[in-house]
Amino acid sequence: MLIFRLHTRLLLLMKLFRLPIILCALAIMSLGGTTAAQSISSKTTLNITIKGVPQVEQVRISGQYVVSPQGYVFLPLLDNGIKASGLSSSALARKIEAAYREAEMYQSPRINVISAKDNAESNIDAQTVTIGGYVKSPGPKQYMRNMTLYQAVSAAGGENAFGSIRRVELFRGGKRSVYDLRKTKDMGTKIYPGDSINVPQKTAFGG
């Protein structure tokens, strides 16, 4: 009888000690899950790639983008910025796919997003502007004080054979402005860190 009582008490003690251990393990797992899916924030650099579309469009869209101070990312062919801050990389990817489908640009785009937070080896400076579209070297470029729109496009190698500088798009704070870089006043337009610039394709008439 004494042995039975000791055995019962031992089992009770084991259960009492096991509960805190289980709770600690669950807490650690929860923290790990939070770390694995970090939220995107403003000025985060994103590596965005697209598949399931023509090759020329993959080249045009795939690249590095910097989330604006207001939390938006601006992509070619989309009129409005996409709210990125607060989302995980996978959630943003699904949101971009939906945006391209809703705009009737692509039927089945497959987007992949990797943020600087996901990639511990990323060392891209937040003080950048992103130039996309039909330029020779798309992607983020180092921002310089008093940088102009023309200088930014030049930093990307200028327009390629298919690009038009007559309708260069500047995205800032969820707003889109269009400039003609053949005009001196438009060439001198000041830009700021986090701005996104898109050089569109020439029209059938060369504009």
N, C-alpha and C. Protein backbone atom coordinates (compact mmCIF):
# COMPACT_ATOMS: atom_id res chain seq x y z
N MET A 1 0.83 -1.21 0.00
CA MET A 1 0.00 0.00 0.00
C MET A 1 0.87 1.26 0.00
N LEU A 2 1.92 1.22 0.80
CA LEU A 2 2.84 2.36 0.89
C LEU A 2 3.50 2.60 -0.45
N ILE A 3 3.89 1.52 -1.11
CA ILE A 3 4.54 1.64 -2.43
C ILE A 3 3.58 2.25 -3.44
N PHE A 4 2.30 1.85 -3.36
CA PHE A 4 1.29 2.39 -4.28
C PHE A 4 1.12 3.90 -4.09
N ARG A 5 1.09 4.35 -2.80
CA ARG A 5 0.96 5.78 -2.51
C ARG A 5 2.15 6.57 -3.02
N LEU A 6 3.35 6.03 -2.83
CA LEU A 6 4.56 6.71 -3.31
C LEU A 6 4.55 6.82 -4.83
N HIS A 7 4.10 5.76 -5.48
CA HIS A 7 4.03 5.76 -6.94
C HIS A 7 3.03 6.82 -7.44
N THR A 8 1.89 6.92 -6.73
CA THR A 8 0.87 7.91 -7.10
C THR A 8 1.39 9.33 -6.94
N ARG A 9 2.08 9.59 -5.83
CA ARG A 9 2.64 10.92 -5.60
C ARG A 9 3.71 11.27 -6.64
N LEU A 10 4.50 10.26 -7.00
CA LEU A 10 5.55 10.48 -8.00
C LEU A 10 4.94 10.86 -9.34
N LEU A 11 3.86 10.18 -9.72
CA LEU A 11 3.18 10.50 -10.98
C LEU A 11 2.61 11.92 -10.94
N LEU A 12 2.06 12.30 -9.79
CA LEU A 12 1.49 13.64 -9.64
C LEU A 12 2.56 14.72 -9.78
N LEU A 13 3.72 14.48 -9.16
CA LEU A 13 4.83 15.44 -9.25
C LEU A 13 5.32 15.56 -10.69
N MET A 14 5.37 14.44 -11.40
CA MET A 14 5.82 14.45 -12.79
C MET A 14 4.87 15.28 -13.65
N LYS A 15 3.56 15.14 -13.39
CA LYS A 15 2.58 15.91 -14.15
C LYS A 15 2.71 17.41 -13.86
N LEU A 16 2.95 17.74 -12.58
CA LEU A 16 3.08 19.15 -12.20
C LEU A 16 4.29 19.79 -12.86
N PHE A 17 5.40 19.05 -12.94
CA PHE A 17 6.61 19.60 -13.56
C PHE A 17 6.52 19.61 -15.08
N ARG A 18 5.72 18.69 -15.62
CA ARG A 18 5.63 18.58 -17.07
C ARG A 18 4.89 19.78 -17.68
N LEU A 19 3.88 20.31 -16.99
CA LEU A 19 3.09 21.42 -17.52
C LEU A 19 3.91 22.67 -17.82
N PRO A 20 4.77 23.15 -16.88
CA PRO A 20 5.60 24.33 -17.21
C PRO A 20 6.52 24.08 -18.40
N ILE A 21 7.03 22.84 -18.50
CA ILE A 21 7.94 22.52 -19.61
C ILE A 21 7.19 22.61 -20.93
N ILE A 22 5.96 22.07 -20.95
CA ILE A 22 5.17 22.13 -22.17
C ILE A 22 4.84 23.57 -22.55
N LEU A 23 4.48 24.38 -21.54
CA LEU A 23 4.15 25.79 -21.79
C LEU A 23 5.35 26.54 -22.34
N CYS A 24 6.54 26.27 -21.80
CA CYS A 24 7.77 26.92 -22.29
C CYS A 24 8.04 26.52 -23.73
N ALA A 25 7.84 25.24 -24.02
CA ALA A 25 8.08 24.76 -25.38
C ALA A 25 7.13 25.43 -26.37
N LEU A 26 5.86 25.56 -25.97
CA LEU A 26 4.88 26.22 -26.84
C LEU A 26 5.24 27.69 -27.06
N ALA A 27 5.73 28.34 -26.01
CA ALA A 27 6.12 29.75 -26.13
C ALA A 27 7.28 29.91 -27.10
N ILE A 28 8.26 29.00 -27.00
CA ILE A 28 9.42 29.06 -27.89
C ILE A 28 8.99 28.84 -29.33
N MET A 29 8.08 27.85 -29.55
CA MET A 29 7.60 27.58 -30.90
C MET A 29 6.86 28.78 -31.46
N SER A 30 6.09 29.45 -30.60
CA SER A 30 5.35 30.63 -31.04
C SER A 30 6.29 31.74 -31.46
N LEU A 31 7.34 31.96 -30.67
CA LEU A 31 8.32 32.99 -31.02
C LEU A 31 9.02 32.65 -32.31
N GLY A 32 9.33 31.38 -32.49
CA GLY A 32 10.00 30.96 -33.71
C GLY A 32 9.15 31.21 -34.93
N GLY A 33 7.83 30.94 -34.79
CA GLY A 33 6.93 31.17 -35.92
C GLY A 33 6.84 32.63 -36.26
N THR A 34 6.86 33.49 -35.24
CA THR A 34 6.80 34.93 -35.48
C THR A 34 8.03 35.41 -36.21
N THR A 35 9.19 34.88 -35.82
CA THR A 35 10.43 35.28 -36.46
C THR A 35 10.48 34.84 -37.90
N ALA A 36 9.93 33.62 -38.17
CA ALA A 36 10.01 33.06 -39.51
C ALA A 36 9.16 33.84 -40.50
N ALA A 37 8.14 34.54 -40.02
CA ALA A 37 7.26 35.27 -40.91
C ALA A 37 7.22 36.74 -40.49
N GLN A 38 8.36 37.40 -40.56
CA GLN A 38 8.45 38.79 -40.14
C GLN A 38 7.65 39.68 -41.07
N SER A 39 7.07 40.72 -40.51
CA SER A 39 6.27 41.64 -41.30
C SER A 39 7.17 42.62 -42.05
N ILE A 40 6.72 42.99 -43.23
CA ILE A 40 7.43 43.98 -44.04
C ILE A 40 7.13 45.37 -43.47
N SER A 41 8.11 46.24 -43.48
CA SER A 41 7.93 47.60 -42.99
C SER A 41 8.41 48.59 -44.04
N SER A 42 8.18 49.87 -43.81
CA SER A 42 8.62 50.90 -44.76
C SER A 42 10.13 50.87 -44.91
N LYS A 43 10.59 51.22 -46.11
CA LYS A 43 12.00 51.27 -46.48
C LYS A 43 12.66 49.89 -46.55
N THR A 44 11.85 48.83 -46.45
CA THR A 44 12.39 47.48 -46.61
C THR A 44 12.65 47.22 -48.09
N THR A 45 13.78 46.62 -48.41
CA THR A 45 14.09 46.26 -49.79
C THR A 45 13.50 44.89 -50.10
N LEU A 46 12.78 44.81 -51.21
CA LEU A 46 12.12 43.56 -51.62
C LEU A 46 12.70 43.07 -52.93
N ASN A 47 12.99 41.80 -53.01
CA ASN A 47 13.36 41.16 -54.27
C ASN A 47 12.09 40.48 -54.79
N ILE A 48 11.56 40.99 -55.88
CA ILE A 48 10.30 40.48 -56.43
C ILE A 48 10.56 39.85 -57.79
N THR A 49 10.11 38.61 -57.95
CA THR A 49 10.23 37.93 -59.24
C THR A 49 8.85 37.47 -59.67
N ILE A 50 8.65 37.41 -60.98
CA ILE A 50 7.36 36.99 -61.53
C ILE A 50 7.58 35.89 -62.55
N LYS A 51 6.72 34.89 -62.52
CA LYS A 51 6.72 33.80 -63.48
C LYS A 51 5.31 33.67 -64.04
N GLY A 52 5.18 32.82 -65.05
CA GLY A 52 3.87 32.60 -65.64
C GLY A 52 3.42 33.70 -66.57
N VAL A 53 4.38 34.54 -67.01
CA VAL A 53 4.10 35.63 -67.95
C VAL A 53 5.19 35.60 -69.02
N PRO A 54 5.01 36.29 -70.15
CA PRO A 54 6.04 36.30 -71.19
C PRO A 54 7.40 36.74 -70.65
N GLN A 55 8.46 36.22 -71.27
CA GLN A 55 9.82 36.48 -70.81
C GLN A 55 10.14 37.97 -70.74
N VAL A 56 9.70 38.72 -71.74
CA VAL A 56 10.00 40.16 -71.74
C VAL A 56 9.34 40.85 -70.55
N GLU A 57 8.18 40.36 -70.13
CA GLU A 57 7.51 40.94 -68.97
C GLU A 57 8.19 40.53 -67.67
N GLN A 58 8.75 39.32 -67.65
CA GLN A 58 9.51 38.89 -66.47
C GLN A 58 10.71 39.80 -66.25
N VAL A 59 11.40 40.12 -67.33
CA VAL A 59 12.57 40.99 -67.24
C VAL A 59 12.16 42.39 -66.79
N ARG A 60 11.02 42.84 -67.27
CA ARG A 60 10.57 44.19 -66.95
C ARG A 60 10.17 44.32 -65.48
N ILE A 61 9.50 43.30 -64.95
CA ILE A 61 8.93 43.42 -63.61
C ILE A 61 9.85 42.90 -62.52
N SER A 62 10.53 41.80 -62.77
CA SER A 62 11.38 41.21 -61.74
C SER A 62 12.52 42.15 -61.38
N GLY A 63 12.76 42.32 -60.11
CA GLY A 63 13.84 43.21 -59.67
C GLY A 63 13.70 43.54 -58.19
N GLN A 64 14.44 44.54 -57.77
CA GLN A 64 14.42 44.96 -56.37
C GLN A 64 13.63 46.25 -56.23
N TYR A 65 12.81 46.29 -55.22
CA TYR A 65 11.95 47.44 -54.96
C TYR A 65 12.07 47.84 -53.49
N VAL A 66 11.99 49.12 -53.24
CA VAL A 66 12.05 49.63 -51.86
C VAL A 66 10.66 50.10 -51.45
N VAL A 67 10.19 49.61 -50.32
CA VAL A 67 8.88 50.02 -49.81
C VAL A 67 8.94 51.50 -49.42
N SER A 68 7.97 52.26 -49.87
CA SER A 68 7.96 53.70 -49.61
C SER A 68 7.79 53.98 -48.12
N PRO A 69 8.13 55.20 -47.68
CA PRO A 69 7.95 55.55 -46.26
C PRO A 69 6.50 55.38 -45.80
N GLN A 70 5.56 55.45 -46.74
CA GLN A 70 4.14 55.27 -46.38
C GLN A 70 3.73 53.80 -46.40
N GLY A 71 4.66 52.92 -46.76
CA GLY A 71 4.37 51.49 -46.71
C GLY A 71 3.90 50.86 -48.00
N TYR A 72 4.06 51.56 -49.12
CA TYR A 72 3.59 51.03 -50.40
C TYR A 72 4.75 50.56 -51.28
N VAL A 73 4.45 49.61 -52.17
CA VAL A 73 5.41 49.20 -53.19
C VAL A 73 4.73 49.43 -54.54
N PHE A 74 5.49 49.97 -55.48
CA PHE A 74 4.94 50.32 -56.79
C PHE A 74 5.57 49.44 -57.86
N LEU A 75 4.70 48.82 -58.65
CA LEU A 75 5.17 47.89 -59.67
C LEU A 75 4.71 48.33 -61.05
N PRO A 76 5.48 47.99 -62.09
CA PRO A 76 5.09 48.35 -63.46
C PRO A 76 3.71 47.81 -63.82
N LEU A 77 3.00 48.57 -64.64
CA LEU A 77 1.71 48.20 -65.21
C LEU A 77 0.54 48.31 -64.23
N LEU A 78 0.82 48.62 -62.97
CA LEU A 78 -0.26 48.81 -62.00
C LEU A 78 -0.39 50.29 -61.69
N ASP A 79 -1.59 50.82 -61.80
CA ASP A 79 -1.80 52.26 -61.61
C ASP A 79 -1.57 52.71 -60.18
N ASN A 80 -1.87 51.85 -59.23
CA ASN A 80 -1.77 52.23 -57.82
C ASN A 80 -0.73 51.40 -57.09
N GLY A 81 -0.21 51.98 -56.01
CA GLY A 81 0.72 51.24 -55.17
C GLY A 81 -0.01 50.16 -54.39
N ILE A 82 0.74 49.17 -53.96
CA ILE A 82 0.19 48.07 -53.17
C ILE A 82 0.69 48.21 -51.74
N LYS A 83 -0.22 48.19 -50.79
CA LYS A 83 0.15 48.30 -49.38
C LYS A 83 0.93 47.06 -48.97
N ALA A 84 2.19 47.27 -48.58
CA ALA A 84 3.06 46.15 -48.24
C ALA A 84 3.36 46.06 -46.75
N SER A 85 3.41 47.20 -46.07
CA SER A 85 3.79 47.19 -44.66
C SER A 85 2.77 46.40 -43.84
N GLY A 86 3.29 45.61 -42.91
CA GLY A 86 2.44 44.80 -42.06
C GLY A 86 2.17 43.41 -42.59
N LEU A 87 2.54 43.17 -43.87
CA LEU A 87 2.31 41.86 -44.47
C LEU A 87 3.57 41.01 -44.42
N SER A 88 3.39 39.70 -44.49
CA SER A 88 4.53 38.81 -44.66
C SER A 88 4.88 38.79 -46.15
N SER A 89 6.04 38.27 -46.49
CA SER A 89 6.45 38.21 -47.89
C SER A 89 5.46 37.40 -48.72
N SER A 90 5.01 36.27 -48.19
CA SER A 90 4.08 35.42 -48.95
C SER A 90 2.72 36.10 -49.12
N ALA A 91 2.26 36.81 -48.09
CA ALA A 91 0.98 37.51 -48.19
C ALA A 91 1.05 38.63 -49.23
N LEU A 92 2.18 39.34 -49.28
CA LEU A 92 2.35 40.39 -50.28
C LEU A 92 2.38 39.79 -51.68
N ALA A 93 3.04 38.65 -51.84
CA ALA A 93 3.11 37.99 -53.14
C ALA A 93 1.71 37.67 -53.66
N ARG A 94 0.85 37.13 -52.78
CA ARG A 94 -0.52 36.80 -53.19
C ARG A 94 -1.29 38.08 -53.54
N LYS A 95 -1.01 39.15 -52.82
CA LYS A 95 -1.70 40.42 -53.06
C LYS A 95 -1.30 41.00 -54.42
N ILE A 96 -0.02 40.88 -54.76
CA ILE A 96 0.46 41.37 -56.06
C ILE A 96 -0.15 40.54 -57.19
N GLU A 97 -0.19 39.22 -57.01
CA GLU A 97 -0.81 38.36 -58.02
C GLU A 97 -2.26 38.78 -58.27
N ALA A 98 -2.99 39.01 -57.19
CA ALA A 98 -4.40 39.42 -57.31
C ALA A 98 -4.52 40.76 -58.03
N ALA A 99 -3.60 41.68 -57.75
CA ALA A 99 -3.64 43.01 -58.37
C ALA A 99 -3.45 42.91 -59.88
N TYR A 100 -2.52 42.08 -60.32
CA TYR A 100 -2.29 41.91 -61.76
C TYR A 100 -3.49 41.23 -62.43
N ARG A 101 -4.10 40.28 -61.73
CA ARG A 101 -5.29 39.62 -62.30
C ARG A 101 -6.46 40.59 -62.39
N GLU A 102 -6.67 41.36 -61.33
CA GLU A 102 -7.79 42.31 -61.32
C GLU A 102 -7.61 43.41 -62.37
N ALA A 103 -6.35 43.76 -62.65
CA ALA A 103 -6.06 44.76 -63.68
C ALA A 103 -6.14 44.16 -65.08
N GLU A 104 -6.40 42.83 -65.13
CA GLU A 104 -6.49 42.09 -66.38
C GLU A 104 -5.21 42.17 -67.20
N MET A 105 -4.09 42.23 -66.48
CA MET A 105 -2.79 42.24 -67.15
C MET A 105 -2.33 40.80 -67.43
N TYR A 106 -2.46 39.94 -66.43
CA TYR A 106 -2.04 38.54 -66.56
C TYR A 106 -3.11 37.64 -65.95
N GLN A 107 -3.23 36.43 -66.50
CA GLN A 107 -4.22 35.49 -65.99
C GLN A 107 -3.71 34.69 -64.80
N SER A 108 -2.46 34.22 -64.90
CA SER A 108 -1.93 33.34 -63.84
C SER A 108 -0.51 33.73 -63.45
N PRO A 109 -0.30 34.95 -62.97
CA PRO A 109 1.05 35.33 -62.56
C PRO A 109 1.44 34.60 -61.28
N ARG A 110 2.71 34.25 -61.18
CA ARG A 110 3.23 33.63 -59.95
C ARG A 110 4.33 34.54 -59.41
N ILE A 111 4.05 35.14 -58.28
CA ILE A 111 4.96 36.12 -57.68
C ILE A 111 5.71 35.50 -56.50
N ASN A 112 6.98 35.83 -56.42
CA ASN A 112 7.77 35.45 -55.25
C ASN A 112 8.39 36.72 -54.67
N VAL A 113 8.27 36.88 -53.36
CA VAL A 113 8.81 38.07 -52.68
C VAL A 113 9.77 37.63 -51.59
N ILE A 114 10.96 38.20 -51.61
CA ILE A 114 11.93 37.98 -50.54
C ILE A 114 12.33 39.35 -50.02
N SER A 115 12.12 39.58 -48.74
CA SER A 115 12.47 40.88 -48.17
C SER A 115 13.86 40.83 -47.55
N ALA A 116 14.42 42.01 -47.31
CA ALA A 116 15.74 42.09 -46.69
C ALA A 116 15.71 41.44 -45.31
N LYS A 117 14.55 41.45 -44.66
CA LYS A 117 14.43 40.82 -43.34
C LYS A 117 14.50 39.30 -43.45
N ASP A 118 14.03 38.77 -44.60
CA ASP A 118 14.10 37.33 -44.81
C ASP A 118 15.52 36.90 -45.13
N ASN A 119 16.28 37.81 -45.73
CA ASN A 119 17.62 37.48 -46.19
C ASN A 119 18.65 38.16 -45.30
N ALA A 120 19.24 37.43 -44.41
CA ALA A 120 20.18 37.99 -43.43
C ALA A 120 21.43 38.55 -44.09
N GLU A 121 21.70 38.14 -45.33
CA GLU A 121 22.91 38.60 -46.01
C GLU A 121 22.68 39.89 -46.77
N SER A 122 21.43 40.39 -46.79
CA SER A 122 21.15 41.61 -47.53
C SER A 122 21.81 42.80 -46.86
N ASN A 123 22.49 43.63 -47.65
CA ASN A 123 23.14 44.82 -47.09
C ASN A 123 22.83 46.05 -47.94
N ILE A 124 21.64 46.06 -48.56
CA ILE A 124 21.25 47.17 -49.43
C ILE A 124 20.84 48.36 -48.59
N ASP A 125 21.38 49.52 -48.90
CA ASP A 125 21.09 50.73 -48.14
C ASP A 125 19.64 51.16 -48.36
N ALA A 126 18.99 51.61 -47.29
CA ALA A 126 17.59 52.04 -47.40
C ALA A 126 17.47 53.34 -48.18
N GLN A 127 18.57 54.12 -48.28
CA GLN A 127 18.53 55.39 -48.99
C GLN A 127 18.68 55.15 -50.48
N THR A 128 17.64 54.60 -51.08
CA THR A 128 17.68 54.28 -52.49
C THR A 128 16.40 54.74 -53.18
N VAL A 129 16.48 54.78 -54.51
CA VAL A 129 15.29 54.95 -55.33
C VAL A 129 15.25 53.74 -56.26
N THR A 130 14.07 53.33 -56.64
CA THR A 130 13.93 52.15 -57.49
C THR A 130 13.50 52.56 -58.88
N ILE A 131 14.25 52.11 -59.88
CA ILE A 131 13.93 52.41 -61.27
C ILE A 131 13.59 51.11 -61.98
N GLY A 132 12.40 51.05 -62.54
CA GLY A 132 11.97 49.84 -63.24
C GLY A 132 11.47 50.15 -64.63
N GLY A 133 10.96 49.12 -65.29
CA GLY A 133 10.45 49.31 -66.63
C GLY A 133 11.52 49.10 -67.68
N TYR A 134 11.41 49.86 -68.76
CA TYR A 134 12.29 49.66 -69.91
C TYR A 134 13.55 50.52 -69.81
N VAL A 135 14.40 50.16 -68.85
CA VAL A 135 15.71 50.78 -68.69
C VAL A 135 16.76 49.68 -68.82
N LYS A 136 18.01 50.08 -69.00
CA LYS A 136 19.07 49.10 -69.23
C LYS A 136 19.50 48.37 -67.97
N SER A 137 19.34 49.01 -66.81
CA SER A 137 19.77 48.38 -65.56
C SER A 137 18.75 48.67 -64.46
N PRO A 138 17.60 47.98 -64.47
CA PRO A 138 16.56 48.24 -63.47
C PRO A 138 16.98 47.80 -62.08
N GLY A 139 16.31 48.37 -61.08
CA GLY A 139 16.58 47.99 -59.70
C GLY A 139 16.82 49.21 -58.83
N PRO A 140 17.15 49.00 -57.55
CA PRO A 140 17.40 50.12 -56.65
C PRO A 140 18.73 50.79 -56.96
N LYS A 141 18.76 52.10 -56.88
CA LYS A 141 19.98 52.88 -57.11
C LYS A 141 20.23 53.78 -55.89
N GLN A 142 21.49 54.00 -55.61
CA GLN A 142 21.85 54.82 -54.46
C GLN A 142 21.32 56.24 -54.63
N TYR A 143 20.63 56.73 -53.62
CA TYR A 143 20.11 58.09 -53.66
C TYR A 143 21.22 59.08 -53.32
N MET A 144 21.25 60.19 -54.06
CA MET A 144 22.20 61.27 -53.80
C MET A 144 21.41 62.54 -53.49
N ARG A 145 21.98 63.38 -52.63
CA ARG A 145 21.29 64.62 -52.27
C ARG A 145 20.98 65.44 -53.52
N ASN A 146 19.76 65.99 -53.54
CA ASN A 146 19.28 66.81 -54.66
C ASN A 146 19.22 66.05 -55.98
N MET A 147 19.08 64.75 -55.90
CA MET A 147 19.01 63.93 -57.11
C MET A 147 17.76 64.29 -57.91
N THR A 148 17.90 64.32 -59.24
CA THR A 148 16.78 64.64 -60.11
C THR A 148 16.25 63.37 -60.78
N LEU A 149 15.09 63.51 -61.36
CA LEU A 149 14.47 62.38 -62.06
C LEU A 149 15.34 61.92 -63.22
N TYR A 150 15.90 62.88 -63.94
CA TYR A 150 16.77 62.53 -65.07
C TYR A 150 18.01 61.78 -64.60
N GLN A 151 18.60 62.23 -63.50
CA GLN A 151 19.79 61.56 -62.97
C GLN A 151 19.47 60.13 -62.53
N ALA A 152 18.29 59.94 -61.97
CA ALA A 152 17.91 58.61 -61.52
C ALA A 152 17.77 57.65 -62.70
N VAL A 153 17.11 58.11 -63.75
CA VAL A 153 16.95 57.27 -64.94
C VAL A 153 18.32 57.00 -65.58
N SER A 154 19.18 58.01 -65.56
CA SER A 154 20.53 57.83 -66.10
C SER A 154 21.32 56.82 -65.28
N ALA A 155 21.09 56.80 -63.95
CA ALA A 155 21.78 55.84 -63.08
C ALA A 155 21.39 54.41 -63.42
N ALA A 156 20.22 54.26 -64.05
CA ALA A 156 19.76 52.93 -64.47
C ALA A 156 20.17 52.65 -65.91
N GLY A 157 21.08 53.46 -66.45
CA GLY A 157 21.57 53.25 -67.80
C GLY A 157 20.75 53.91 -68.87
N GLY A 158 19.71 54.65 -68.45
CA GLY A 158 18.84 55.29 -69.43
C GLY A 158 17.85 54.29 -70.01
N GLU A 159 16.96 54.79 -70.87
CA GLU A 159 15.97 53.91 -71.47
C GLU A 159 16.64 52.94 -72.44
N ASN A 160 16.06 51.74 -72.55
CA ASN A 160 16.59 50.80 -73.54
C ASN A 160 15.89 51.04 -74.87
N ALA A 161 16.08 50.15 -75.84
CA ALA A 161 15.55 50.36 -77.19
C ALA A 161 14.03 50.41 -77.22
N PHE A 162 13.39 49.87 -76.18
CA PHE A 162 11.93 49.83 -76.16
C PHE A 162 11.32 50.87 -75.21
N GLY A 163 12.16 51.59 -74.47
CA GLY A 163 11.66 52.52 -73.47
C GLY A 163 11.35 53.90 -74.01
N SER A 164 10.44 54.58 -73.34
CA SER A 164 10.07 55.94 -73.71
C SER A 164 10.29 56.88 -72.53
N ILE A 165 11.01 57.98 -72.77
CA ILE A 165 11.22 58.96 -71.71
C ILE A 165 10.18 60.08 -71.79
N ARG A 166 9.20 59.92 -72.67
CA ARG A 166 8.15 60.93 -72.79
C ARG A 166 7.09 60.80 -71.69
N ARG A 167 6.99 59.60 -71.10
CA ARG A 167 5.92 59.36 -70.12
C ARG A 167 6.49 58.65 -68.89
N VAL A 168 7.56 59.16 -68.34
CA VAL A 168 8.19 58.53 -67.17
C VAL A 168 7.31 58.72 -65.94
N GLU A 169 7.06 57.61 -65.25
CA GLU A 169 6.16 57.63 -64.09
C GLU A 169 6.95 57.71 -62.79
N LEU A 170 6.51 58.59 -61.90
CA LEU A 170 7.13 58.73 -60.58
C LEU A 170 6.06 58.42 -59.53
N PHE A 171 6.35 57.43 -58.68
CA PHE A 171 5.41 57.02 -57.64
C PHE A 171 5.95 57.44 -56.27
N ARG A 172 5.09 58.14 -55.52
CA ARG A 172 5.49 58.58 -54.18
C ARG A 172 4.25 58.69 -53.29
N GLY A 173 4.29 58.02 -52.16
CA GLY A 173 3.19 58.12 -51.21
C GLY A 173 1.84 57.72 -51.77
N GLY A 174 1.84 56.72 -52.64
CA GLY A 174 0.58 56.26 -53.21
C GLY A 174 0.08 57.10 -54.37
N LYS A 175 0.86 58.11 -54.78
CA LYS A 175 0.46 58.98 -55.89
C LYS A 175 1.37 58.76 -57.10
N ARG A 176 0.80 58.93 -58.29
CA ARG A 176 1.53 58.74 -59.54
C ARG A 176 1.57 60.04 -60.33
N SER A 177 2.78 60.42 -60.76
CA SER A 177 2.96 61.60 -61.59
C SER A 177 3.70 61.19 -62.85
N VAL A 178 3.42 61.87 -63.96
CA VAL A 178 4.04 61.53 -65.24
C VAL A 178 4.85 62.73 -65.75
N TYR A 179 6.06 62.44 -66.23
CA TYR A 179 6.97 63.50 -66.69
C TYR A 179 7.54 63.16 -68.07
N ASP A 180 7.82 64.20 -68.82
CA ASP A 180 8.45 64.08 -70.13
C ASP A 180 9.90 64.51 -69.99
N LEU A 181 10.82 63.56 -70.01
CA LEU A 181 12.23 63.88 -69.77
C LEU A 181 12.92 64.49 -70.99
N ARG A 182 12.15 64.84 -72.01
CA ARG A 182 12.71 65.65 -73.09
C ARG A 182 12.63 67.13 -72.71
N LYS A 183 11.83 67.44 -71.69
CA LYS A 183 11.64 68.83 -71.27
C LYS A 183 12.55 69.15 -70.09
N THR A 184 13.20 70.30 -70.15
CA THR A 184 14.17 70.68 -69.12
C THR A 184 13.55 70.74 -67.73
N LYS A 185 12.36 71.31 -67.62
CA LYS A 185 11.74 71.45 -66.30
C LYS A 185 11.42 70.08 -65.69
N ASP A 186 11.06 69.13 -66.52
CA ASP A 186 10.77 67.78 -66.01
C ASP A 186 12.05 67.03 -65.66
N MET A 187 13.10 67.28 -66.42
CA MET A 187 14.39 66.64 -66.14
C MET A 187 14.89 67.00 -64.74
N GLY A 188 14.60 68.24 -64.31
CA GLY A 188 15.08 68.72 -63.02
C GLY A 188 14.19 68.40 -61.84
N THR A 189 13.17 67.58 -62.05
CA THR A 189 12.26 67.21 -60.96
C THR A 189 13.02 66.51 -59.83
N LYS A 190 12.90 67.03 -58.62
CA LYS A 190 13.60 66.44 -57.47
C LYS A 190 12.93 65.14 -57.05
N ILE A 191 13.75 64.17 -56.70
CA ILE A 191 13.23 62.91 -56.18
C ILE A 191 13.77 62.69 -54.77
N TYR A 192 13.20 61.72 -54.08
CA TYR A 192 13.56 61.49 -52.67
C TYR A 192 13.70 59.99 -52.40
N PRO A 193 14.43 59.65 -51.32
CA PRO A 193 14.61 58.23 -50.99
C PRO A 193 13.26 57.51 -50.88
N GLY A 194 13.20 56.32 -51.43
CA GLY A 194 11.96 55.55 -51.39
C GLY A 194 11.08 55.74 -52.60
N ASP A 195 11.39 56.75 -53.46
CA ASP A 195 10.60 56.95 -54.67
C ASP A 195 10.79 55.75 -55.61
N SER A 196 9.75 55.49 -56.40
CA SER A 196 9.82 54.46 -57.43
C SER A 196 9.55 55.11 -58.78
N ILE A 197 10.35 54.73 -59.76
CA ILE A 197 10.27 55.33 -61.10
C ILE A 197 10.06 54.22 -62.11
N ASN A 198 9.18 54.45 -63.07
CA ASN A 198 8.93 53.47 -64.12
C ASN A 198 9.05 54.12 -65.48
N VAL A 199 9.88 53.53 -66.34
CA VAL A 199 10.01 53.99 -67.72
C VAL A 199 9.16 53.05 -68.57
N PRO A 200 8.07 53.55 -69.18
CA PRO A 200 7.16 52.68 -69.91
C PRO A 200 7.67 52.30 -71.30
N GLN A 201 6.96 51.38 -71.91
CA GLN A 201 7.30 50.95 -73.27
C GLN A 201 6.82 51.99 -74.28
N LYS A 202 7.56 52.11 -75.36
CA LYS A 202 7.14 53.02 -76.43
C LYS A 202 5.82 52.55 -77.02
N THR A 203 5.03 53.49 -77.49
CA THR A 203 3.79 53.15 -78.18
C THR A 203 4.11 52.77 -79.62
N ALA A 204 3.09 52.37 -80.34
CA ALA A 204 3.27 52.00 -81.75
C ALA A 204 3.75 53.18 -82.57
N PHE A 205 3.52 54.40 -82.06
CA PHE A 205 3.93 55.60 -82.78
C PHE A 205 5.24 56.17 -82.26
N GLY A 206 5.89 55.41 -81.38
CA GLY A 206 7.21 55.83 -80.88
C GLY A 206 7.18 56.73 -79.68
N GLY A 207 6.00 57.00 -79.11
CA GLY A 207 5.91 57.90 -77.98
C GLY A 207 5.96 57.21 -76.65
